[in-house]
PDB file of N, CA and C in Angstrom:
ATOM      1  N   ILE A   1     -10.815  12.940   1.721  1.00  0.00           N
ATOM      2  CA  ILE A   1      -9.516  12.355   1.416  1.00  0.00           C
ATOM      3  C   ILE A   1      -9.623  10.833   1.418  1.00  0.00           C
ATOM      4  N   LEU A   2     -10.345  10.304   2.391  1.00  0.00           N
ATOM      5  CA  LEU A   2     -10.511   8.853   2.459  1.00  0.00           C
ATOM      6  C   LEU A   2     -11.238   8.339   1.222  1.00  0.00           C
ATOM      7  N   ASN A   3     -12.238   9.059   0.750  1.00  0.00           N
ATOM      8  CA  ASN A   3     -12.942   8.643  -0.466  1.00  0.00           C
ATOM      9  C   ASN A   3     -12.007   8.644  -1.672  1.00  0.00           C
ATOM     10  N   ALA A   4     -11.079   9.603  -1.730  1.00  0.00           N
ATOM     11  CA  ALA A   4     -10.106   9.640  -2.832  1.00  0.00           C
ATOM     12  C   ALA A   4      -9.207   8.411  -2.773  1.00  0.00           C
ATOM     13  N   ILE A   5      -8.765   8.038  -1.587  1.00  0.00           N
ATOM     14  CA  ILE A   5      -7.917   6.849  -1.426  1.00  0.00           C
ATOM     15  C   ILE A   5      -8.685   5.599  -1.836  1.00  0.00           C
ATOM     16  N   LYS A   6      -9.926   5.501  -1.383  1.00  0.00           N
ATOM     17  CA  LYS A   6     -10.749   4.328  -1.726  1.00  0.00           C
ATOM     18  C   LYS A   6     -11.051   4.273  -3.218  1.00  0.00           C
ATOM     19  N   SER A   7     -11.337   5.415  -3.832  1.00  0.00           N
ATOM     20  CA  SER A   7     -11.677   5.407  -5.256  1.00  0.00           C
ATOM     21  C   SER A   7     -10.477   5.026  -6.126  1.00  0.00           C
ATOM     22  N   GLU A   8      -9.267   5.244  -5.640  1.00  0.00           N
ATOM     23  CA  GLU A   8      -8.062   4.829  -6.361  1.00  0.00           C
ATOM     24  C   GLU A   8      -7.663   3.395  -6.003  1.00  0.00           C
ATOM     25  N   GLU A   9      -8.489   2.742  -5.175  1.00  0.00           N
ATOM     26  CA  GLU A   9      -8.280   1.354  -4.741  1.00  0.00           C
ATOM     27  C   GLU A   9      -6.903   1.158  -4.108  1.00  0.00           C
ATOM     28  N   LEU A  10      -6.559   2.059  -3.196  1.00  0.00           N
ATOM     29  CA  LEU A  10      -5.286   1.988  -2.496  1.00  0.00           C
ATOM     30  C   LEU A  10      -5.511   1.548  -1.056  1.00  0.00           C
ATOM     31  N   SER A  11      -4.469   0.998  -0.462  1.00  0.00           N
ATOM     32  CA  SER A  11      -4.519   0.654   0.956  1.00  0.00           C
ATOM     33  C   SER A  11      -3.180   1.023   1.576  1.00  0.00           C
ATOM     34  N   ASP A  12      -3.130   1.081   2.872  1.00  0.00           N
ATOM     35  CA  ASP A  12      -1.904   1.429   3.592  1.00  0.00           C
ATOM     36  C   ASP A  12      -1.281   2.692   2.995  1.00  0.00           C
ATOM     37  N   THR A  13      -2.084   3.728   2.893  1.00  0.00           N
ATOM     38  CA  THR A  13      -1.703   4.954   2.195  1.00  0.00           C
ATOM     39  C   THR A  13      -1.795   6.148   3.133  1.00  0.00           C
ATOM     40  N   LEU A  14      -0.827   7.038   3.004  1.00  0.00           N
ATOM     41  CA  LEU A  14      -0.866   8.302   3.731  1.00  0.00           C
ATOM     42  C   LEU A  14      -0.999   9.419   2.708  1.00  0.00           C
ATOM     43  N   CYS A  15      -1.991  10.266   2.896  1.00  0.00           N
ATOM     44  CA  CYS A  15      -2.187  11.414   2.018  1.00  0.00           C
ATOM     45  C   CYS A  15      -2.500  12.608   2.916  1.00  0.00           C
ATOM     46  N   MET A  16      -1.711  13.645   2.800  1.00  0.00           N
ATOM     47  CA  MET A  16      -1.891  14.799   3.660  1.00  0.00           C
ATOM     48  C   MET A  16      -2.143  16.034   2.796  1.00  0.00           C
ATOM     49  N   VAL A  17      -3.170  16.775   3.142  1.00  0.00           N
ATOM     50  CA  VAL A  17      -3.495  18.009   2.439  1.00  0.00           C
ATOM     51  C   VAL A  17      -3.340  19.151   3.439  1.00  0.00           C
ATOM     52  N   VAL A  18      -2.596  20.177   3.028  1.00  0.00           N
ATOM     53  CA  VAL A  18      -2.367  21.338   3.892  1.00  0.00           C
ATOM     54  C   VAL A  18      -3.031  22.544   3.245  1.00  0.00           C
ATOM     55  N   ARG A  19      -3.793  23.269   4.035  1.00  0.00           N
ATOM     56  CA  ARG A  19      -4.446  24.488   3.544  1.00  0.00           C
ATOM     57  C   ARG A  19      -4.016  25.631   4.441  1.00  0.00           C
ATOM     58  N   TYR A  20      -3.417  26.617   3.821  1.00  0.00           N
ATOM     59  CA  TYR A  20      -3.005  27.793   4.576  1.00  0.00           C
ATOM     60  C   TYR A  20      -4.206  28.692   4.808  1.00  0.00           C
ATOM     61  N   SER A  21      -4.322  29.235   6.003  1.00  0.00           N
ATOM     62  CA  SER A  21      -5.462  30.097   6.323  1.00  0.00           C
ATOM     63  C   SER A  21      -5.267  31.476   5.707  1.00  0.00           C
ATOM     64  N   GLY A  22      -6.329  32.215   5.677  1.00  0.00           N
ATOM     65  CA  GLY A  22      -6.274  33.563   5.145  1.00  0.00           C
ATOM     66  C   GLY A  22      -6.829  33.677   3.740  1.00  0.00           C
ATOM     67  N   GLY A  23      -7.262  32.566   3.196  1.00  0.00           N
ATOM     68  CA  GLY A  23      -7.804  32.581   1.839  1.00  0.00           C
ATOM     69  C   GLY A  23      -9.309  32.741   1.857  1.00  0.00           C
ATOM     70  N   ILE A  24      -9.922  32.259   0.807  1.00  0.00           N
ATOM     71  CA  ILE A  24     -11.375  32.326   0.658  1.00  0.00           C
ATOM     72  C   ILE A  24     -12.027  31.365   1.631  1.00  0.00           C
ATOM     73  N   LYS A  25     -13.104  31.830   2.274  1.00  0.00           N
ATOM     74  CA  LYS A  25     -13.848  30.954   3.176  1.00  0.00           C
ATOM     75  C   LYS A  25     -14.722  30.034   2.331  1.00  0.00           C
ATOM     76  N   LEU A  26     -14.449  28.720   2.439  1.00  0.00           N
ATOM     77  CA  LEU A  26     -15.139  27.755   1.590  1.00  0.00           C
ATOM     78  C   LEU A  26     -16.350  27.113   2.245  1.00  0.00           C
ATOM     79  N   GLY A  27     -16.427  27.148   3.553  1.00  0.00           N
ATOM     80  CA  GLY A  27     -17.496  26.433   4.241  1.00  0.00           C
ATOM     81  C   GLY A  27     -17.173  24.955   4.297  1.00  0.00           C
ATOM     82  N   ALA A  28     -17.977  24.213   5.047  1.00  0.00           N
ATOM     83  CA  ALA A  28     -17.710  22.786   5.255  1.00  0.00           C
ATOM     84  C   ALA A  28     -17.732  22.009   3.942  1.00  0.00           C
ATOM     85  N   GLY A  29     -18.763  22.219   3.136  1.00  0.00           N
ATOM     86  CA  GLY A  29     -18.875  21.493   1.865  1.00  0.00           C
ATOM     87  C   GLY A  29     -17.747  21.838   0.907  1.00  0.00           C
ATOM     88  N   GLY A  30     -17.381  23.115   0.856  1.00  0.00           N
ATOM     89  CA  GLY A  30     -16.292  23.556  -0.010  1.00  0.00           C
ATOM     90  C   GLY A  30     -14.955  22.970   0.417  1.00  0.00           C
ATOM     91  N   LEU A  31     -14.748  22.892   1.737  1.00  0.00           N
ATOM     92  CA  LEU A  31     -13.504  22.299   2.244  1.00  0.00           C
ATOM     93  C   LEU A  31     -13.422  20.824   1.881  1.00  0.00           C
ATOM     94  N   ILE A  32     -14.523  20.122   2.038  1.00  0.00           N
ATOM     95  CA  ILE A  32     -14.541  18.689   1.706  1.00  0.00           C
ATOM     96  C   ILE A  32     -14.214  18.491   0.237  1.00  0.00           C
ATOM     97  N   ARG A  33     -14.832  19.279  -0.630  1.00  0.00           N
ATOM     98  CA  ARG A  33     -14.557  19.169  -2.070  1.00  0.00           C
ATOM     99  C   ARG A  33     -13.118  19.559  -2.401  1.00  0.00           C
ATOM    100  N   ALA A  34     -12.623  20.618  -1.779  1.00  0.00           N
ATOM    101  CA  ALA A  34     -11.254  21.077  -2.056  1.00  0.00           C
ATOM    102  C   ALA A  34     -10.227  20.048  -1.595  1.00  0.00           C
ATOM    103  N   TYR A  35     -10.401  19.519  -0.381  1.00  0.00           N
ATOM    104  CA  TYR A  35      -9.460  18.513   0.121  1.00  0.00           C
ATOM    105  C   TYR A  35      -9.528  17.250  -0.719  1.00  0.00           C
ATOM    106  N   GLY A  36     -10.732  16.823  -1.039  1.00  0.00           N
ATOM    107  CA  GLY A  36     -10.901  15.607  -1.851  1.00  0.00           C
ATOM    108  C   GLY A  36     -10.293  15.759  -3.225  1.00  0.00           C
ATOM    109  N   SER A  37     -10.504  16.914  -3.832  1.00  0.00           N
ATOM    110  CA  SER A  37      -9.960  17.168  -5.169  1.00  0.00           C
ATOM    111  C   SER A  37      -8.435  17.206  -5.139  1.00  0.00           C
ATOM    112  N   ALA A  38      -7.864  17.850  -4.145  1.00  0.00           N
ATOM    113  CA  ALA A  38      -6.407  17.914  -4.012  1.00  0.00           C
ATOM    114  C   ALA A  38      -5.830  16.514  -3.794  1.00  0.00           C
ATOM    115  N   ALA A  39      -6.451  15.746  -2.913  1.00  0.00           N
ATOM    116  CA  ALA A  39      -5.977  14.392  -2.637  1.00  0.00           C
ATOM    117  C   ALA A  39      -6.079  13.522  -3.882  1.00  0.00           C
ATOM    118  N   ARG A  40      -7.193  13.591  -4.571  1.00  0.00           N
ATOM    119  CA  ARG A  40      -7.408  12.779  -5.780  1.00  0.00           C
ATOM    120  C   ARG A  40      -6.358  13.095  -6.846  1.00  0.00           C
ATOM    121  N   GLY A  41      -6.077  14.382  -7.039  1.00  0.00           N
ATOM    122  CA  GLY A  41      -5.082  14.784  -8.029  1.00  0.00           C
ATOM    123  C   GLY A  41      -3.697  14.247  -7.720  1.00  0.00           C
ATOM    124  N   VAL A  42      -3.309  14.330  -6.460  1.00  0.00           N
ATOM    125  CA  VAL A  42      -1.991  13.832  -6.060  1.00  0.00           C
ATOM    126  C   VAL A  42      -1.929  12.317  -6.166  1.00  0.00           C
ATOM    127  N   LEU A  43      -2.971  11.648  -5.718  1.00  0.00           N
ATOM    128  CA  LEU A  43      -2.972  10.176  -5.760  1.00  0.00           C
ATOM    129  C   LEU A  43      -2.922   9.659  -7.199  1.00  0.00           C
ATOM    130  N   ARG A  44      -3.547  10.367  -8.112  1.00  0.00           N
ATOM    131  CA  ARG A  44      -3.533   9.929  -9.519  1.00  0.00           C
ATOM    132  C   ARG A  44      -2.178  10.189 -10.174  1.00  0.00           C
ATOM    133  N   SER A  45      -1.481  11.227  -9.745  1.00  0.00           N
ATOM    134  CA  SER A  45      -0.206  11.553 -10.396  1.00  0.00           C
ATOM    135  C   SER A  45       0.999  10.898  -9.720  1.00  0.00           C
ATOM    136  N   ALA A  46       0.849  10.463  -8.488  1.00  0.00           N
ATOM    137  CA  ALA A  46       1.972   9.861  -7.762  1.00  0.00           C
ATOM    138  C   ALA A  46       2.193   8.422  -8.225  1.00  0.00           C
ATOM    139  N   PRO A  47       3.452   7.967  -8.224  1.00  0.00           N
ATOM    140  CA  PRO A  47       3.704   6.574  -8.584  1.00  0.00           C
ATOM    141  C   PRO A  47       3.142   5.636  -7.516  1.00  0.00           C
ATOM    142  N   THR A  48       2.660   4.498  -7.950  1.00  0.00           N
ATOM    143  CA  THR A  48       2.143   3.488  -7.033  1.00  0.00           C
ATOM    144  C   THR A  48       3.200   2.414  -6.847  1.00  0.00           C
ATOM    145  N   VAL A  49       3.491   2.097  -5.604  1.00  0.00           N
ATOM    146  CA  VAL A  49       4.467   1.058  -5.289  1.00  0.00           C
ATOM    147  C   VAL A  49       3.724  -0.101  -4.657  1.00  0.00           C
ATOM    148  N   ILE A  50       3.864  -1.266  -5.258  1.00  0.00           N
ATOM    149  CA  ILE A  50       3.238  -2.462  -4.699  1.00  0.00           C
ATOM    150  C   ILE A  50       4.265  -3.142  -3.799  1.00  0.00           C
ATOM    151  N   HIS A  51       3.912  -3.282  -2.555  1.00  0.00           N
ATOM    152  CA  HIS A  51       4.811  -3.894  -1.576  1.00  0.00           C
ATOM    153  C   HIS A  51       4.267  -5.269  -1.209  1.00  0.00           C
ATOM    154  N   ILE A  52       5.068  -6.275  -1.440  1.00  0.00           N
ATOM    155  CA  ILE A  52       4.681  -7.640  -1.084  1.00  0.00           C
ATOM    156  C   ILE A  52       5.488  -8.037   0.146  1.00  0.00           C
ATOM    157  N   PRO A  53       4.825  -8.196   1.282  1.00  0.00           N
ATOM    158  CA  PRO A  53       5.549  -8.550   2.504  1.00  0.00           C
ATOM    159  C   PRO A  53       6.242  -9.904   2.369  1.00  0.00           C
ATOM    160  N   THR A  54       7.427  -9.990   2.894  1.00  0.00           N
ATOM    161  CA  THR A  54       8.167 -11.250   2.876  1.00  0.00           C
ATOM    162  C   THR A  54       8.684 -11.564   4.269  1.00  0.00           C
ATOM    163  N   VAL A  55       8.990 -12.827   4.460  1.00  0.00           N
ATOM    164  CA  VAL A  55       9.546 -13.294   5.724  1.00  0.00           C
ATOM    165  C   VAL A  55      10.719 -14.196   5.408  1.00  0.00           C
ATOM    166  N   ARG A  56      11.788 -14.013   6.116  1.00  0.00           N
ATOM    167  CA  ARG A  56      12.948 -14.880   5.948  1.00  0.00           C
ATOM    168  C   ARG A  56      12.913 -15.924   7.060  1.00  0.00           C
ATOM    169  N   LEU A  57      12.985 -17.185   6.675  1.00  0.00           N
ATOM    170  CA  LEU A  57      12.945 -18.291   7.627  1.00  0.00           C
ATOM    171  C   LEU A  57      14.196 -19.145   7.498  1.00  0.00           C
ATOM    172  N   ARG A  58      14.610 -19.704   8.588  1.00  0.00           N
ATOM    173  CA  ARG A  58      15.665 -20.704   8.557  1.00  0.00           C
ATOM    174  C   ARG A  58      15.080 -21.959   9.177  1.00  0.00           C
ATOM    175  N   LEU A  59      15.045 -23.022   8.380  1.00  0.00           N
ATOM    176  CA  LEU A  59      14.464 -24.284   8.823  1.00  0.00           C
ATOM    177  C   LEU A  59      15.559 -25.311   9.049  1.00  0.00           C
ATOM    178  N   VAL A  60      15.430 -26.043  10.113  1.00  0.00           N
ATOM    179  CA  VAL A  60      16.313 -27.185  10.363  1.00  0.00           C
ATOM    180  C   VAL A  60      15.406 -28.412  10.343  1.00  0.00           C
ATOM    181  N   ILE A  61      15.597 -29.261   9.314  1.00  0.00           N
ATOM    182  CA  ILE A  61      14.718 -30.421   9.129  1.00  0.00           C
ATOM    183  C   ILE A  61      15.544 -31.650   8.771  1.00  0.00           C
ATOM    184  N   ASN A  62      14.913 -32.789   8.867  1.00  0.00           N
ATOM    185  CA  ASN A  62      15.539 -34.026   8.375  1.00  0.00           C
ATOM    186  C   ASN A  62      15.605 -33.952   6.855  1.00  0.00           C
ATOM    187  N   THR A  63      16.644 -34.515   6.299  1.00  0.00           N
ATOM    188  CA  THR A  63      16.840 -34.510   4.852  1.00  0.00           C
ATOM    189  C   THR A  63      15.657 -35.118   4.110  1.00  0.00           C
ATOM    190  N   GLN A  64      15.004 -36.087   4.706  1.00  0.00           N
ATOM    191  CA  GLN A  64      13.889 -36.762   4.033  1.00  0.00           C
ATOM    192  C   GLN A  64      12.727 -35.827   3.730  1.00  0.00           C
ATOM    193  N   TYR A  65      12.652 -34.697   4.444  1.00  0.00           N
ATOM    194  CA  TYR A  65      11.556 -33.745   4.230  1.00  0.00           C
ATOM    195  C   TYR A  65      11.936 -32.597   3.294  1.00  0.00           C
ATOM    196  N   SER A  66      13.166 -32.554   2.846  1.00  0.00           N
ATOM    197  CA  SER A  66      13.616 -31.411   2.049  1.00  0.00           C
ATOM    198  C   SER A  66      12.821 -31.260   0.757  1.00  0.00           C
ATOM    199  N   GLY A  67      12.481 -32.351   0.106  1.00  0.00           N
ATOM    200  CA  GLY A  67      11.690 -32.277  -1.124  1.00  0.00           C
ATOM    201  C   GLY A  67      10.346 -31.619  -0.887  1.00  0.00           C
ATOM    202  N   SER A  68       9.699 -31.972   0.207  1.00  0.00           N
ATOM    203  CA  SER A  68       8.395 -31.379   0.548  1.00  0.00           C
ATOM    204  C   SER A  68       8.526 -29.894   0.852  1.00  0.00           C
ATOM    205  N   VAL A  69       9.604 -29.530   1.533  1.00  0.00           N
ATOM    206  CA  VAL A  69       9.810 -28.122   1.888  1.00  0.00           C
ATOM    207  C   VAL A  69      10.048 -27.300   0.622  1.00  0.00           C
ATOM    208  N   TYR A  70      10.900 -27.810  -0.285  1.00  0.00           N
ATOM    209  CA  TYR A  70      11.152 -27.082  -1.538  1.00  0.00           C
ATOM    210  C   TYR A  70       9.878 -26.984  -2.382  1.00  0.00           C
ATOM    211  N   ALA A  71       9.095 -28.049  -2.417  1.00  0.00           N
ATOM    212  CA  ALA A  71       7.848 -28.031  -3.186  1.00  0.00           C
ATOM    213  C   ALA A  71       6.872 -27.004  -2.605  1.00  0.00           C
ATOM    214  N   LEU A  72       6.782 -26.947  -1.302  1.00  0.00           N
ATOM    215  CA  LEU A  72       5.887 -25.992  -0.647  1.00  0.00           C
ATOM    216  C   LEU A  72       6.351 -24.558  -0.892  1.00  0.00           C
ATOM    217  N   ALA A  73       7.651 -24.335  -0.815  1.00  0.00           N
ATOM    218  CA  ALA A  73       8.179 -22.992  -1.086  1.00  0.00           C
ATOM    219  C   ALA A  73       7.877 -22.586  -2.525  1.00  0.00           C
ATOM    220  N   ALA A  74       8.061 -23.502  -3.463  1.00  0.00           N
ATOM    221  CA  ALA A  74       7.793 -23.201  -4.880  1.00  0.00           C
ATOM    222  C   ALA A  74       6.307 -22.912  -5.110  1.00  0.00           C
ATOM    223  N   ARG A  75       5.456 -23.621  -4.403  1.00  0.00           N
ATOM    224  CA  ARG A  75       4.001 -23.429  -4.539  1.00  0.00           C
ATOM    225  C   ARG A  75       3.594 -21.997  -4.207  1.00  0.00           C
ATOM    226  N   PHE A  76       4.305 -21.397  -3.259  1.00  0.00           N
ATOM    227  CA  PHE A  76       3.972 -20.023  -2.841  1.00  0.00           C
ATOM    228  C   PHE A  76       4.997 -19.005  -3.344  1.00  0.00           C
ATOM    229  N   ASN A  77       5.681 -19.361  -4.439  1.00  0.00           N
ATOM    230  CA  ASN A  77       6.680 -18.473  -5.057  1.00  0.00           C
ATOM    231  C   ASN A  77       7.794 -18.088  -4.087  1.00  0.00           C
ATOM    232  N   GLY A  78       8.138 -19.010  -3.208  1.00  0.00           N
ATOM    233  CA  GLY A  78       9.216 -18.771  -2.261  1.00  0.00           C
ATOM    234  C   GLY A  78      10.579 -18.906  -2.921  1.00  0.00           C
ATOM    235  N   VAL A  79      11.556 -18.284  -2.343  1.00  0.00           N
ATOM    236  CA  VAL A  79      12.939 -18.365  -2.818  1.00  0.00           C
ATOM    237  C   VAL A  79      13.709 -19.184  -1.803  1.00  0.00           C
ATOM    238  N   THR A  80      14.418 -20.175  -2.279  1.00  0.00           N
ATOM    239  CA  THR A  80      15.162 -21.048  -1.380  1.00  0.00           C
ATOM    240  C   THR A  80      16.639 -20.975  -1.684  1.00  0.00           C
ATOM    241  N   SER A  81      17.436 -21.264  -0.683  1.00  0.00           N
ATOM    242  CA  SER A  81      18.884 -21.366  -0.850  1.00  0.00           C
ATOM    243  C   SER A  81      19.395 -22.399   0.146  1.00  0.00           C
ATOM    244  N   GLY A  82      20.457 -23.025  -0.210  1.00  0.00           N
ATOM    245  CA  GLY A  82      21.076 -23.976   0.718  1.00  0.00           C
ATOM    246  C   GLY A  82      20.774 -25.409   0.422  1.00  0.00           C
TER     247      GLY A  82
END
């Protein structure tokens, strides 16, 4: 399962495969292939959501520094208000 996640170049991902008992005995190698194949199929068909972490800050500064603060925020694609 981890190889399937890595091959799809994903991070911070949860993938769970459930196998009900009572079926064909696959052995260790068969289980690895079955779980990997199931995980790979789901990961390829599921939508990918890109999450960009953000932080909300409130700054209290002298007015003389406001230009520098706005320039720095713009440099890192920050959103400013106020």
